[in-house]
Amino acid sequence: MPVEGGKTDMERIGLFSEMEYVTVGDKYVSQFNRPFNEAASKNRQMLPGGSKEMSSLQAGYFDPHFVRIFEGEGYVNLNQVRRRHMMEEAKKNLGKAFLPSNGDKKPCGLGSYYGTIGRPVPFFSAQSKPKEKYEPPGKNLYTNPGKKGTGYGYANVTIGKQFSHSADFYDEAKLNDKKENEEHHRLLKGTPFKLNLYPREYFDTNPYLFEKPLPPIKKAEKKEALANPFKPSSPGKKGTKYEELQDCFRTVLLASGRQIAL
């Protein structure tokens, strides 16, 4: 516990301390009562000076007077600078300028080699070369000239020969059918095959129909049950031998079909 007028345990040890407050004694002001952009309504504000129209006058620019790119530089003569450069390059020459021994040769016409470095090339000569006598090849396949006509109603116009005329009988198809029918009946042997069930249908409408008489019904044999169960005369005996005899007796009775109560 802290002593009156002293420090707390957390402040004395120094390991832990209470978090500081963001505000100290400030009154709470609601966000609805706070003024928005209060500095905009105090003191002198920025004055843009009005809009400017685009023109070539100085009023159309931001600066009050025209500003030069180079101001106060000296005048430079380009011809003088070019001559100074040529004089400095001429100092680098060791001797006089090179002059060729012969002057330039000008061509005297189209296709001439005068004034060139090389000589005439024989492969490009315009003179005619000796050639062998031309022998035309033989003629190709001989054909007849085109025949006039469309082919309809004109004879010997197509590639093949004209078909010869052959007369047809009026009833030739009927006579041929008659001959084939007679030849067919001549090859037949006997009368046509007929079923003895005609005109009865091959399959009956009733699939469960059975024409043969059914066999007699077999009656199940009833076994006569014994009125009184069999009881042995002697009473039951205890022991292993008695149990063996009892099992043997039961098996014999079961084989014979009798029922007993043991």
C-alpha atoms as a PDB file:
ATOM      1  CA  MET A   1       0.000   0.000   0.000  1.00  0.00           C
ATOM      2  CA  PRO A   2       1.326   3.432  -0.799  1.00  0.00           C
ATOM      3  CA  VAL A   3       2.260   5.695   2.095  1.00  0.00           C
ATOM      4  CA  GLU A   4       0.612   9.099   2.255  1.00  0.00           C
ATOM      5  CA  GLY A   5       2.562  11.494   0.127  1.00  0.00           C
ATOM      6  CA  GLY A   6       4.831   8.722  -1.164  1.00  0.00           C
ATOM      7  CA  LYS A   7       5.112   6.624  -4.326  1.00  0.00           C
ATOM      8  CA  THR A   8       3.270   3.473  -5.179  1.00  0.00           C
ATOM      9  CA  ASP A   9       4.948   0.084  -5.320  1.00  0.00           C
ATOM     10  CA  MET A  10       4.913   0.059  -9.132  1.00  0.00           C
ATOM     11  CA  GLU A  11       6.630   3.461  -9.309  1.00  0.00           C
ATOM     12  CA  ARG A  12       9.152   2.536  -6.619  1.00  0.00           C
ATOM     13  CA  ILE A  13      10.250  -0.741  -8.229  1.00  0.00           C
ATOM     14  CA  GLY A  14      10.179   0.662 -11.740  1.00  0.00           C
ATOM     15  CA  LEU A  15       9.227  -2.574 -13.490  1.00  0.00           C
ATOM     16  CA  PHE A  16       5.680  -1.537 -14.186  1.00  0.00           C
ATOM     17  CA  SER A  17       4.175   1.859 -14.644  1.00  0.00           C
ATOM     18  CA  GLU A  18       0.714   3.183 -15.376  1.00  0.00           C
ATOM     19  CA  MET A  19      -0.004   4.172 -18.977  1.00  0.00           C
ATOM     20  CA  GLU A  20      -0.095   7.871 -19.729  1.00  0.00           C
ATOM     21  CA  TYR A  21      -3.294   9.629 -20.693  1.00  0.00           C
ATOM     22  CA  VAL A  22      -3.716  11.207 -24.136  1.00  0.00           C
ATOM     23  CA  THR A  23      -5.343  14.345 -22.803  1.00  0.00           C
ATOM     24  CA  VAL A  24      -4.926  15.974 -19.456  1.00  0.00           C
ATOM     25  CA  GLY A  25      -7.958  17.899 -18.251  1.00  0.00           C
ATOM     26  CA  ASP A  26      -9.329  18.608 -21.766  1.00  0.00           C
ATOM     27  CA  LYS A  27     -13.037  18.930 -22.089  1.00  0.00           C
ATOM     28  CA  TYR A  28     -14.834  16.634 -24.486  1.00  0.00           C
ATOM     29  CA  VAL A  29     -16.181  18.314 -27.562  1.00  0.00           C
ATOM     30  CA  SER A  30     -18.696  16.464 -29.711  1.00  0.00           C
ATOM     31  CA  GLN A  31     -17.818  15.899 -33.365  1.00  0.00           C
ATOM     32  CA  PHE A  32     -21.072  17.572 -34.399  1.00  0.00           C
ATOM     33  CA  ASN A  33     -20.083  20.823 -32.641  1.00  0.00           C
ATOM     34  CA  ARG A  34     -16.515  20.938 -33.987  1.00  0.00           C
ATOM     35  CA  PRO A  35     -15.911  23.596 -36.706  1.00  0.00           C
ATOM     36  CA  PHE A  36     -14.740  22.163 -40.028  1.00  0.00           C
ATOM     37  CA  ASN A  37     -11.637  23.819 -41.542  1.00  0.00           C
ATOM     38  CA  GLU A  38     -11.567  26.646 -39.058  1.00  0.00           C
ATOM     39  CA  ALA A  39      -8.383  28.135 -40.537  1.00  0.00           C
ATOM     40  CA  ALA A  40     -10.206  28.794 -43.823  1.00  0.00           C
ATOM     41  CA  SER A  41     -12.350  31.456 -42.177  1.00  0.00           C
ATOM     42  CA  LYS A  42      -9.506  33.320 -40.450  1.00  0.00           C
ATOM     43  CA  ASN A  43      -6.846  35.721 -41.711  1.00  0.00           C
ATOM     44  CA  ARG A  44      -6.251  36.534 -45.379  1.00  0.00           C
ATOM     45  CA  GLN A  45      -6.953  33.832 -47.972  1.00  0.00           C
ATOM     46  CA  MET A  46      -5.197  33.038 -51.292  1.00  0.00           C
ATOM     47  CA  LEU A  47      -6.250  35.339 -54.110  1.00  0.00           C
ATOM     48  CA  PRO A  48      -5.715  33.771 -57.581  1.00  0.00           C
ATOM     49  CA  GLY A  49      -6.072  37.074 -59.415  1.00  0.00           C
ATOM     50  CA  GLY A  50      -8.786  36.009 -61.860  1.00  0.00           C
ATOM     51  CA  SER A  51      -8.662  33.867 -65.008  1.00  0.00           C
ATOM     52  CA  LYS A  52      -6.367  34.587 -67.932  1.00  0.00           C
ATOM     53  CA  GLU A  53      -7.173  34.176 -71.596  1.00  0.00           C
ATOM     54  CA  MET A  54      -4.727  32.483 -73.938  1.00  0.00           C
ATOM     55  CA  SER A  55      -2.906  35.068 -76.039  1.00  0.00           C
ATOM     56  CA  SER A  56       0.544  35.919 -77.330  1.00  0.00           C
ATOM     57  CA  LEU A  57       0.856  38.866 -74.963  1.00  0.00           C
ATOM     58  CA  GLN A  58       2.756  38.759 -71.706  1.00  0.00           C
ATOM     59  CA  ALA A  59      -0.539  38.570 -69.791  1.00  0.00           C
ATOM     60  CA  GLY A  60      -1.023  35.041 -71.160  1.00  0.00           C
ATOM     61  CA  TYR A  61       2.080  33.739 -69.327  1.00  0.00           C
ATOM     62  CA  PHE A  62       2.843  33.224 -65.659  1.00  0.00           C
ATOM     63  CA  ASP A  63       5.888  35.508 -65.579  1.00  0.00           C
ATOM     64  CA  PRO A  64       5.392  39.284 -65.552  1.00  0.00           C
ATOM     65  CA  HIS A  65       8.125  39.848 -68.203  1.00  0.00           C
ATOM     66  CA  PHE A  66       9.688  37.777 -70.989  1.00  0.00           C
ATOM     67  CA  VAL A  67      12.543  35.584 -69.799  1.00  0.00           C
ATOM     68  CA  ARG A  68      15.372  34.773 -72.215  1.00  0.00           C
ATOM     69  CA  ILE A  69      17.072  31.400 -72.342  1.00  0.00           C
ATOM     70  CA  PHE A  70      20.534  32.995 -72.623  1.00  0.00           C
ATOM     71  CA  GLU A  71      20.754  36.451 -71.168  1.00  0.00           C
ATOM     72  CA  GLY A  72      23.968  38.488 -71.305  1.00  0.00           C
ATOM     73  CA  GLU A  73      25.962  36.069 -73.527  1.00  0.00           C
ATOM     74  CA  GLY A  74      28.312  37.363 -76.247  1.00  0.00           C
ATOM     75  CA  TYR A  75      27.729  37.222 -80.003  1.00  0.00           C
ATOM     76  CA  VAL A  76      29.223  34.203 -81.764  1.00  0.00           C
ATOM     77  CA  ASN A  77      29.931  34.163 -85.507  1.00  0.00           C
ATOM     78  CA  LEU A  78      29.516  30.623 -86.858  1.00  0.00           C
ATOM     79  CA  ASN A  79      31.692  31.245 -89.904  1.00  0.00           C
ATOM     80  CA  GLN A  80      34.541  32.376 -87.658  1.00  0.00           C
ATOM     81  CA  VAL A  81      34.190  29.243 -85.516  1.00  0.00           C
ATOM     82  CA  ARG A  82      34.221  27.056 -88.626  1.00  0.00           C
ATOM     83  CA  ARG A  83      37.403  28.698 -89.944  1.00  0.00           C
ATOM     84  CA  ARG A  84      39.173  28.225 -86.598  1.00  0.00           C
ATOM     85  CA  HIS A  85      38.307  24.566 -86.655  1.00  0.00           C
ATOM     86  CA  MET A  86      39.650  24.193 -90.212  1.00  0.00           C
ATOM     87  CA  MET A  87      42.919  25.932 -89.242  1.00  0.00           C
ATOM     88  CA  GLU A  88      43.391  23.599 -86.277  1.00  0.00           C
ATOM     89  CA  GLU A  89      42.814  20.555 -88.465  1.00  0.00           C
ATOM     90  CA  ALA A  90      45.243  21.900 -91.116  1.00  0.00           C
ATOM     91  CA  LYS A  91      48.039  22.093 -88.507  1.00  0.00           C
ATOM     92  CA  LYS A  92      47.815  18.315 -88.110  1.00  0.00           C
ATOM     93  CA  ASN A  93      48.863  17.717 -91.757  1.00  0.00           C
ATOM     94  CA  LEU A  94      52.497  16.595 -92.155  1.00  0.00           C
ATOM     95  CA  GLY A  95      52.914  17.710 -95.749  1.00  0.00           C
ATOM     96  CA  LYS A  96      51.053  19.098 -98.690  1.00  0.00           C
ATOM     97  CA  ALA A  97      47.697  17.841 -99.879  1.00  0.00           C
ATOM     98  CA  PHE A  98      47.710  14.658-101.992  1.00  0.00           C
ATOM     99  CA  LEU A  99      47.223  15.245-105.687  1.00  0.00           C
ATOM    100  CA  PRO A 100      46.688  12.326-108.099  1.00  0.00           C
ATOM    101  CA  SER A 101      49.077  12.007-111.045  1.00  0.00           C
ATOM    102  CA  ASN A 102      46.309  11.746-113.635  1.00  0.00           C
ATOM    103  CA  GLY A 103      42.985  13.490-113.729  1.00  0.00           C
ATOM    104  CA  ASP A 104      39.606  11.886-113.666  1.00  0.00           C
ATOM    105  CA  LYS A 105      38.424  10.094-116.792  1.00  0.00           C
ATOM    106  CA  LYS A 106      34.915  10.694-117.887  1.00  0.00           C
ATOM    107  CA  PRO A 107      32.870   7.983-119.646  1.00  0.00           C
ATOM    108  CA  CYS A 108      32.273   8.591-123.302  1.00  0.00           C
ATOM    109  CA  GLY A 109      29.063   6.620-123.718  1.00  0.00           C
ATOM    110  CA  LEU A 110      26.729   4.026-122.283  1.00  0.00           C
ATOM    111  CA  GLY A 111      28.380   0.600-122.038  1.00  0.00           C
ATOM    112  CA  SER A 112      31.972   1.869-122.594  1.00  0.00           C
ATOM    113  CA  TYR A 113      34.861   0.905-120.284  1.00  0.00           C
ATOM    114  CA  TYR A 114      36.754   4.171-120.733  1.00  0.00           C
ATOM    115  CA  GLY A 115      37.407   5.786-117.388  1.00  0.00           C
ATOM    116  CA  THR A 116      37.005   2.570-115.396  1.00  0.00           C
ATOM    117  CA  ILE A 117      39.635   0.704-113.402  1.00  0.00           C
ATOM    118  CA  GLY A 118      39.253  -2.678-115.104  1.00  0.00           C
ATOM    119  CA  ARG A 119      39.247  -3.760-118.691  1.00  0.00           C
ATOM    120  CA  PRO A 120      36.362  -5.032-120.820  1.00  0.00           C
ATOM    121  CA  VAL A 121      34.951  -8.362-119.670  1.00  0.00           C
ATOM    122  CA  PRO A 122      34.638 -10.835-122.563  1.00  0.00           C
ATOM    123  CA  PHE A 123      31.673 -12.570-120.983  1.00  0.00           C
ATOM    124  CA  PHE A 124      29.606  -9.393-121.244  1.00  0.00           C
ATOM    125  CA  SER A 125      30.457  -8.816-124.894  1.00  0.00           C
ATOM    126  CA  ALA A 126      27.580  -7.926-127.176  1.00  0.00           C
ATOM    127  CA  GLN A 127      29.081  -9.746-130.170  1.00  0.00           C
ATOM    128  CA  SER A 128      27.159 -12.787-131.374  1.00  0.00           C
ATOM    129  CA  LYS A 129      28.668 -16.179-130.681  1.00  0.00           C
ATOM    130  CA  PRO A 130      28.830 -18.968-133.263  1.00  0.00           C
ATOM    131  CA  LYS A 131      25.893 -21.334-132.880  1.00  0.00           C
ATOM    132  CA  GLU A 132      24.906 -24.619-134.417  1.00  0.00           C
ATOM    133  CA  LYS A 133      22.257 -24.758-137.069  1.00  0.00           C
ATOM    134  CA  TYR A 134      18.790 -25.029-135.624  1.00  0.00           C
ATOM    135  CA  GLU A 135      16.931 -28.154-136.492  1.00  0.00           C
ATOM    136  CA  PRO A 136      13.264 -27.987-135.658  1.00  0.00           C
ATOM    137  CA  PRO A 137      11.877 -31.055-133.834  1.00  0.00           C
ATOM    138  CA  GLY A 138       9.392 -33.378-135.490  1.00  0.00           C
ATOM    139  CA  LYS A 139       5.710 -32.753-135.419  1.00  0.00           C
ATOM    140  CA  ASN A 140       3.590 -34.020-132.602  1.00  0.00           C
ATOM    141  CA  LEU A 141       0.591 -36.391-132.801  1.00  0.00           C
ATOM    142  CA  TYR A 142      -1.579 -35.726-135.828  1.00  0.00           C
ATOM    143  CA  THR A 143      -5.270 -35.157-135.138  1.00  0.00           C
ATOM    144  CA  ASN A 144      -8.238 -34.612-137.346  1.00  0.00           C
ATOM    145  CA  PRO A 145      -9.881 -31.209-137.322  1.00  0.00           C
ATOM    146  CA  GLY A 146     -12.863 -30.703-135.046  1.00  0.00           C
ATOM    147  CA  LYS A 147     -16.145 -32.044-136.343  1.00  0.00           C
ATOM    148  CA  LYS A 148     -19.100 -29.779-136.532  1.00  0.00           C
ATOM    149  CA  GLY A 149     -22.328 -30.600-134.787  1.00  0.00           C
ATOM    150  CA  THR A 150     -23.498 -31.200-131.209  1.00  0.00           C
ATOM    151  CA  GLY A 151     -23.773 -34.975-131.432  1.00  0.00           C
ATOM    152  CA  TYR A 152     -27.545 -35.099-131.289  1.00  0.00           C
ATOM    153  CA  GLY A 153     -28.882 -36.174-134.683  1.00  0.00           C
ATOM    154  CA  TYR A 154     -25.481 -36.080-136.405  1.00  0.00           C
ATOM    155  CA  ALA A 155     -23.661 -39.257-137.423  1.00  0.00           C
ATOM    156  CA  ASN A 156     -19.931 -39.871-136.943  1.00  0.00           C
ATOM    157  CA  VAL A 157     -19.422 -36.860-134.691  1.00  0.00           C
ATOM    158  CA  THR A 158     -18.255 -38.543-131.487  1.00  0.00           C
ATOM    159  CA  ILE A 159     -14.958 -40.372-130.852  1.00  0.00           C
ATOM    160  CA  GLY A 160     -16.414 -43.859-131.282  1.00  0.00           C
ATOM    161  CA  LYS A 161     -18.241 -45.318-134.245  1.00  0.00           C
ATOM    162  CA  GLN A 162     -21.937 -44.983-134.815  1.00  0.00           C
ATOM    163  CA  PHE A 163     -24.073 -47.734-133.293  1.00  0.00           C
ATOM    164  CA  SER A 164     -25.684 -50.103-135.774  1.00  0.00           C
ATOM    165  CA  HIS A 165     -29.477 -50.322-135.847  1.00  0.00           C
ATOM    166  CA  SER A 166     -31.032 -53.436-134.305  1.00  0.00           C
ATOM    167  CA  ALA A 167     -34.769 -54.119-134.375  1.00  0.00           C
ATOM    168  CA  ASP A 168     -36.628 -55.234-131.202  1.00  0.00           C
ATOM    169  CA  PHE A 169     -39.769 -57.325-131.003  1.00  0.00           C
ATOM    170  CA  TYR A 170     -42.858 -55.719-129.587  1.00  0.00           C
ATOM    171  CA  ASP A 171     -43.457 -58.304-126.797  1.00  0.00           C
ATOM    172  CA  GLU A 172     -39.867 -59.529-126.363  1.00  0.00           C
ATOM    173  CA  ALA A 173     -39.864 -59.100-122.569  1.00  0.00           C
ATOM    174  CA  LYS A 174     -43.173 -60.991-122.249  1.00  0.00           C
ATOM    175  CA  LEU A 175     -41.924 -63.862-124.422  1.00  0.00           C
ATOM    176  CA  ASN A 176     -38.695 -64.128-122.433  1.00  0.00           C
ATOM    177  CA  ASP A 177     -40.633 -64.378-119.145  1.00  0.00           C
ATOM    178  CA  LYS A 178     -42.821 -67.095-120.617  1.00  0.00           C
ATOM    179  CA  LYS A 179     -39.792 -69.135-121.689  1.00  0.00           C
ATOM    180  CA  GLU A 180     -38.172 -68.823-118.288  1.00  0.00           C
ATOM    181  CA  ASN A 181     -41.425 -69.917-116.552  1.00  0.00           C
ATOM    182  CA  GLU A 182     -41.750 -72.981-118.782  1.00  0.00           C
ATOM    183  CA  GLU A 183     -38.134 -73.947-118.118  1.00  0.00           C
ATOM    184  CA  HIS A 184     -38.740 -73.587-114.393  1.00  0.00           C
ATOM    185  CA  HIS A 185     -41.834 -75.876-114.442  1.00  0.00           C
ATOM    186  CA  ARG A 186     -39.968 -78.420-116.493  1.00  0.00           C
ATOM    187  CA  LEU A 187     -37.306 -78.761-113.820  1.00  0.00           C
ATOM    188  CA  LEU A 188     -39.850 -79.230-110.996  1.00  0.00           C
ATOM    189  CA  LYS A 189     -40.420 -82.770-109.672  1.00  0.00           C
ATOM    190  CA  GLY A 190     -43.753 -83.693-108.044  1.00  0.00           C
ATOM    191  CA  THR A 191     -46.390 -81.441-106.579  1.00  0.00           C
ATOM    192  CA  PRO A 192     -45.643 -78.537-104.261  1.00  0.00           C
ATOM    193  CA  PHE A 193     -45.124 -79.409-100.596  1.00  0.00           C
ATOM    194  CA  LYS A 194     -48.143 -78.855 -98.344  1.00  0.00           C
ATOM    195  CA  LEU A 195     -48.455 -79.286 -94.594  1.00  0.00           C
ATOM    196  CA  ASN A 196     -51.109 -81.612 -93.184  1.00  0.00           C
ATOM    197  CA  LEU A 197     -51.928 -79.027 -90.521  1.00  0.00           C
ATOM    198  CA  TYR A 198     -53.223 -76.559 -93.073  1.00  0.00           C
ATOM    199  CA  PRO A 199     -55.132 -74.265 -92.450  1.00  0.00           C
ATOM    200  CA  ARG A 200     -54.273 -74.605 -88.775  1.00  0.00           C
ATOM    201  CA  GLU A 201     -51.777 -72.124 -87.325  1.00  0.00           C
ATOM    202  CA  TYR A 202     -48.357 -73.363 -86.462  1.00  0.00           C
ATOM    203  CA  PHE A 203     -48.343 -71.746 -82.995  1.00  0.00           C
ATOM    204  CA  ASP A 204     -51.456 -71.993 -80.834  1.00  0.00           C
ATOM    205  CA  THR A 205     -52.817 -68.950 -79.076  1.00  0.00           C
ATOM    206  CA  ASN A 206     -52.840 -70.827 -75.755  1.00  0.00           C
ATOM    207  CA  PRO A 207     -49.246 -71.651 -74.756  1.00  0.00           C
ATOM    208  CA  TYR A 208     -50.441 -74.023 -71.998  1.00  0.00           C
ATOM    209  CA  LEU A 209     -52.534 -76.229 -74.324  1.00  0.00           C
ATOM    210  CA  PHE A 210     -51.596 -79.922 -74.119  1.00  0.00           C
ATOM    211  CA  GLU A 211     -53.330 -82.458 -76.397  1.00  0.00           C
ATOM    212  CA  LYS A 212     -52.024 -85.675 -74.796  1.00  0.00           C
ATOM    213  CA  PRO A 213     -53.973 -87.069 -71.808  1.00  0.00           C
ATOM    214  CA  LEU A 214     -52.472 -86.210 -68.464  1.00  0.00           C
ATOM    215  CA  PRO A 215     -51.183 -89.062 -66.244  1.00  0.00           C
ATOM    216  CA  PRO A 216     -53.219 -89.991 -63.105  1.00  0.00           C
ATOM    217  CA  ILE A 217     -52.636 -87.945 -60.029  1.00  0.00           C
ATOM    218  CA  LYS A 218     -50.323 -89.616 -57.566  1.00  0.00           C
ATOM    219  CA  LYS A 219     -51.650 -89.689 -54.041  1.00  0.00           C
ATOM    220  CA  ALA A 220     -49.207 -89.185 -51.230  1.00  0.00           C
ATOM    221  CA  GLU A 221     -48.876 -92.181 -48.940  1.00  0.00           C
ATOM    222  CA  LYS A 222     -49.840 -91.476 -45.356  1.00  0.00           C
ATOM    223  CA  LYS A 223     -47.763 -93.113 -42.675  1.00  0.00           C
ATOM    224  CA  GLU A 224     -49.745 -94.556 -39.796  1.00  0.00           C
ATOM    225  CA  ALA A 225     -48.747 -93.021 -36.522  1.00  0.00           C
ATOM    226  CA  LEU A 226     -48.518 -95.255 -33.455  1.00  0.00           C
ATOM    227  CA  ALA A 227     -51.281 -94.784 -30.971  1.00  0.00           C
ATOM    228  CA  ASN A 228     -49.135 -95.345 -27.920  1.00  0.00           C
ATOM    229  CA  PRO A 229     -45.434 -94.696 -27.764  1.00  0.00           C
ATOM    230  CA  PHE A 230     -43.123 -97.581 -27.053  1.00  0.00           C
ATOM    231  CA  LYS A 231     -41.955 -97.933 -23.513  1.00  0.00           C
ATOM    232  CA  PRO A 232     -39.268-100.355 -22.433  1.00  0.00           C
ATOM    233  CA  SER A 233     -40.151-102.878 -19.708  1.00  0.00           C
ATOM    234  CA  SER A 234     -37.089-102.265 -17.585  1.00  0.00           C
ATOM    235  CA  PRO A 235     -36.566 -98.862 -15.928  1.00  0.00           C
ATOM    236  CA  GLY A 236     -33.720 -96.578 -16.816  1.00  0.00           C
ATOM    237  CA  LYS A 237     -30.309 -97.382 -15.430  1.00  0.00           C
ATOM    238  CA  LYS A 238     -27.532 -95.004 -14.729  1.00  0.00           C
ATOM    239  CA  GLY A 239     -24.042 -95.528 -16.032  1.00  0.00           C
ATOM    240  CA  THR A 240     -22.037 -95.311 -19.199  1.00  0.00           C
ATOM    241  CA  LYS A 241     -23.089 -98.745 -20.487  1.00  0.00           C
ATOM    242  CA  TYR A 242     -26.774 -97.872 -20.159  1.00  0.00           C
ATOM    243  CA  GLU A 243     -26.304 -94.664 -22.134  1.00  0.00           C
ATOM    244  CA  GLU A 244     -24.529 -96.555 -24.920  1.00  0.00           C
ATOM    245  CA  LEU A 245     -27.335 -99.116 -25.105  1.00  0.00           C
ATOM    246  CA  GLN A 246     -29.906 -96.318 -25.140  1.00  0.00           C
ATOM    247  CA  ASP A 247     -28.169 -94.607 -28.074  1.00  0.00           C
ATOM    248  CA  CYS A 248     -27.992 -97.843 -30.052  1.00  0.00           C
ATOM    249  CA  PHE A 249     -31.681 -98.548 -29.410  1.00  0.00           C
ATOM    250  CA  ARG A 250     -32.638 -95.032 -30.538  1.00  0.00           C
ATOM    251  CA  THR A 251     -30.748 -95.381 -33.795  1.00  0.00           C
ATOM    252  CA  VAL A 252     -32.461 -98.712 -34.534  1.00  0.00           C
ATOM    253  CA  LEU A 253     -35.881 -97.208 -33.949  1.00  0.00           C
ATOM    254  CA  LEU A 254     -35.131 -94.183 -36.094  1.00  0.00           C
ATOM    255  CA  ALA A 255     -33.994 -96.445 -38.926  1.00  0.00           C
ATOM    256  CA  SER A 256     -37.263 -98.407 -38.728  1.00  0.00           C
ATOM    257  CA  GLY A 257     -39.370 -95.193 -38.696  1.00  0.00           C
ATOM    258  CA  ARG A 258     -40.877 -95.577 -35.251  1.00  0.00           C
ATOM    259  CA  GLN A 259     -41.221 -92.914 -32.608  1.00  0.00           C
ATOM    260  CA  ILE A 260     -40.520 -93.536 -28.961  1.00  0.00           C
ATOM    261  CA  ALA A 261     -40.398 -91.426 -25.882  1.00  0.00           C
ATOM    262  CA  LEU A 262     -37.374 -92.080 -23.686  1.00  0.00           C
END
